[in-house]
Protein backbone atom coordinates (compact mmCIF):
# COMPACT_ATOMS: atom_id res chain seq x y z
CA MET A 1 9.09 -47.59 30.72
CA ALA A 2 9.70 -44.79 28.19
CA LYS A 3 6.21 -45.32 26.79
CA GLU A 4 4.65 -44.51 30.19
CA LYS A 5 6.22 -41.01 30.21
CA TRP A 6 4.22 -40.09 27.10
CA LYS A 7 1.00 -41.73 28.22
CA GLY A 8 -1.90 -39.30 28.60
CA LYS A 9 -0.03 -36.37 27.07
CA GLU A 10 -1.23 -34.52 24.00
CA TRP A 11 0.60 -32.47 21.38
CA TYR A 12 -0.22 -28.77 21.16
CA GLN A 13 0.75 -26.47 18.28
CA ILE A 14 2.17 -23.15 19.46
CA LEU A 15 1.08 -20.25 17.24
CA ALA A 16 2.65 -16.80 16.89
CA PRO A 17 0.47 -13.73 17.55
CA LYS A 18 -1.81 -12.32 14.82
CA MET A 19 0.77 -9.67 13.89
CA PHE A 20 2.97 -12.55 12.65
CA GLY A 21 0.15 -14.31 10.82
CA GLU A 22 -0.40 -16.92 13.55
CA ALA A 23 2.43 -19.02 12.09
CA VAL A 24 3.24 -22.30 13.83
CA ILE A 25 6.37 -21.66 15.92
CA GLY A 26 6.58 -24.98 17.70
CA GLU A 27 4.87 -27.94 19.28
CA THR A 28 4.86 -29.16 22.83
CA LEU A 29 3.50 -32.00 24.94
CA SER A 30 1.30 -31.52 27.98
CA ILE A 31 -1.07 -33.53 30.16
CA GLU A 32 -3.25 -30.53 31.02
CA PRO A 33 -3.77 -27.52 28.72
CA SER A 34 -3.65 -25.25 31.79
CA GLN A 35 0.04 -26.20 32.26
CA LEU A 36 0.87 -24.45 28.98
CA LYS A 37 -0.46 -21.04 30.03
CA GLY A 38 2.35 -18.63 30.82
CA ARG A 39 5.01 -20.72 29.08
CA ILE A 40 7.61 -18.62 27.23
CA VAL A 41 8.67 -19.61 23.70
CA GLU A 42 11.83 -18.25 22.02
CA VAL A 43 11.91 -17.93 18.23
CA SER A 44 14.57 -16.54 15.90
CA LEU A 45 13.25 -13.81 13.62
CA ILE A 46 14.77 -15.65 10.64
CA GLU A 47 12.45 -18.60 11.31
CA LEU A 48 9.44 -16.31 11.60
CA ILE A 49 9.82 -13.92 8.66
CA GLY A 50 12.73 -15.43 6.73
CA ASP A 51 14.85 -12.24 6.63
CA PRO A 52 18.53 -13.24 7.00
CA ASN A 53 19.53 -9.60 7.69
CA LYS A 54 17.79 -9.85 11.06
CA TYR A 55 19.70 -12.96 12.17
CA TYR A 56 20.53 -11.43 15.53
CA ILE A 57 16.96 -10.88 16.82
CA LYS A 58 15.25 -13.44 19.06
CA LEU A 59 11.57 -12.95 19.84
CA PHE A 60 9.82 -14.19 22.99
CA PHE A 61 6.16 -15.15 23.05
CA LYS A 62 4.04 -16.08 26.05
CA VAL A 63 1.25 -18.65 25.77
CA SER A 64 -1.95 -16.79 26.66
CA GLU A 65 -4.81 -19.11 25.72
CA ILE A 66 -5.47 -22.68 24.64
CA ASP A 67 -8.16 -23.71 22.16
CA SER A 68 -8.43 -27.45 21.40
CA ASN A 69 -4.85 -28.42 20.35
CA LYS A 70 -3.62 -24.89 19.61
CA ALA A 71 -1.75 -22.65 22.02
CA TYR A 72 -2.07 -18.95 21.14
CA THR A 73 0.67 -16.57 22.18
CA ILE A 74 1.22 -12.86 22.78
CA PHE A 75 4.39 -10.85 22.20
CA PHE A 76 6.47 -10.87 25.39
CA GLY A 77 9.76 -9.25 24.33
CA HIS A 78 12.86 -9.55 22.18
CA ASP A 79 16.61 -9.78 22.60
CA CYS A 80 19.70 -9.34 20.44
CA THR A 81 22.32 -12.07 20.40
CA ARG A 82 25.58 -11.50 22.26
CA ASP A 83 27.72 -12.15 19.19
CA PHE A 84 25.92 -9.33 17.34
CA LEU A 85 26.59 -6.88 20.18
CA ALA A 86 30.24 -7.93 20.31
CA ARG A 87 30.53 -7.40 16.55
CA ILE A 88 29.11 -3.84 16.49
CA VAL A 89 31.21 -2.59 19.44
CA GLN A 90 34.66 -1.90 18.03
CA PRO A 91 37.86 -0.35 19.37
CA ARG A 92 37.97 3.45 19.54
CA THR A 93 34.17 3.74 19.70
CA THR A 94 31.89 4.31 22.67
CA ARG A 95 28.97 2.08 23.61
CA ILE A 96 26.08 4.04 25.10
CA ASP A 97 23.34 1.95 26.74
CA THR A 98 19.89 3.11 27.81
CA ASN A 99 17.33 1.38 30.01
CA GLU A 100 13.88 2.94 30.33
CA ILE A 101 10.31 1.92 31.02
CA VAL A 102 8.23 3.44 28.23
CA LYS A 103 4.45 3.91 28.25
CA PHE A 104 2.50 3.09 25.10
CA GLU A 105 -1.21 3.58 24.39
CA ASP A 106 -1.91 0.00 25.45
CA GLY A 107 0.78 -0.89 28.00
CA LYS A 108 4.34 -0.49 29.23
CA ILE A 109 7.60 -1.95 27.93
CA ARG A 110 11.09 -1.91 29.38
CA ILE A 111 13.30 -0.89 26.47
CA LYS A 112 17.06 -1.36 26.53
CA SER A 113 18.90 0.17 23.61
CA VAL A 114 22.51 0.44 22.53
CA ALA A 115 24.10 3.22 20.52
CA ILE A 116 27.62 3.08 19.09
CA SER A 117 29.45 6.34 18.40
CA ASN A 118 31.83 6.91 15.50
CA ARG A 119 34.68 7.73 17.89
CA GLN A 120 35.33 7.69 21.60
CA VAL A 121 33.37 10.42 23.35
CA ASN A 122 33.75 12.07 26.72
CA ASN A 123 31.28 11.59 29.58
CA GLU A 124 29.43 14.84 28.93
CA VAL A 125 28.62 13.91 25.32
CA GLU A 126 27.69 10.38 26.43
CA ARG A 127 25.23 11.80 28.99
CA LYS A 128 23.66 14.13 26.41
CA VAL A 129 23.32 11.32 23.86
CA ARG A 130 21.72 9.02 26.45
CA LYS A 131 19.27 11.74 27.52
CA MET A 132 18.29 12.54 23.92
CA LEU A 133 17.88 8.84 23.09
CA ASN A 134 15.50 8.37 26.04
CA GLU A 135 13.49 11.44 24.98
CA LEU A 136 13.26 10.29 21.34
CA ILE A 137 12.21 6.75 22.29
CA ALA A 138 9.51 8.07 24.67
CA LYS A 139 8.29 10.55 22.05
CA GLU A 140 7.98 7.82 19.41
CA ALA A 141 6.28 5.43 21.83
CA GLU A 142 3.60 7.74 23.18
CA LYS A 143 1.85 7.93 19.80
CA MET A 144 1.76 4.20 18.96
CA LYS A 145 0.52 0.86 20.25
CA ILE A 146 2.84 -1.98 21.25
CA GLU A 147 2.06 -3.99 18.10
CA ALA A 148 2.95 -1.04 15.83
CA PHE A 149 6.18 -0.49 17.80
CA VAL A 150 7.18 -4.16 17.42
CA LYS A 151 6.52 -4.10 13.67
CA SER A 152 8.53 -0.88 13.33
CA LEU A 153 11.36 -2.34 15.43
CA ILE A 154 11.53 -5.47 13.24
CA ARG A 155 11.55 -3.47 10.01
CA GLY A 156 14.17 -1.09 11.44
CA ASP A 157 12.12 2.04 10.72
CA ILE A 158 12.20 3.42 14.24
CA GLN A 159 15.95 2.79 14.56
CA GLN A 160 16.65 4.76 11.37
CA LYS A 161 14.39 7.60 12.50
CA ILE A 162 16.12 7.86 15.88
CA ARG A 163 19.59 7.61 14.33
CA LYS A 164 18.74 10.40 11.88
CA SER A 165 17.42 12.62 14.70
CA MET A 166 20.52 11.88 16.79
CA SER A 167 22.87 13.05 14.03
CA LYS A 168 22.01 16.65 14.98
CA LEU A 169 23.63 16.10 18.39
CA TYR A 170 26.27 13.48 17.60
CA PRO A 171 26.54 11.07 14.63
CA LEU A 172 26.00 7.43 15.61
CA ARG A 173 27.60 4.53 13.81
CA TRP A 174 24.88 2.16 15.02
CA PHE A 175 21.66 2.23 17.01
CA GLU A 176 19.63 -0.84 17.97
CA PHE A 177 17.03 -1.87 20.51
CA ARG A 178 18.99 -4.46 22.46
CA LYS A 179 16.13 -5.87 24.51
CA THR A 180 12.44 -5.30 25.19
CA GLU A 181 10.23 -6.79 27.92
CA ILE A 182 6.49 -6.36 28.33
CA ILE A 183 5.62 -5.13 31.83
CA ALA A 184 2.27 -6.39 33.08
């Protein structure tokens, strides 16, 4: 009986996008290759690049095309783990969230970020910080492609740049892109 479930199905290797060296990120079974298209695959960044400092980042890839027994993917978004967010938000600090749709040279992404202040701040400062964060993110995004943004996000370059720029208005203890989603 169990043997019949597997009958006629084939194994397909799921490959990361070219920006990640087309590394094998998983395998899956399917009767028809067309059933794989559009499937979302979640991968920890540690598994992909081996950097334990980025333990909290999960990447999402969407299967875009099938060639023989290989399923090629495109970047679909990322997310930070809940335990990481709980760890960076501490008592007597303020969590400032942003949620914007940002246009890049080659598409749009919904970007959700989180900034943690050194101390509790009043609503006026929180509003100004949120506004400046949105402006800085849009300014950085307009001059790059999605792939360059993702690479910069993973390395942490863009976060450092924004945090440094923000220190002129209000010093941040932490800044991170909490979640990104590609908008078709």
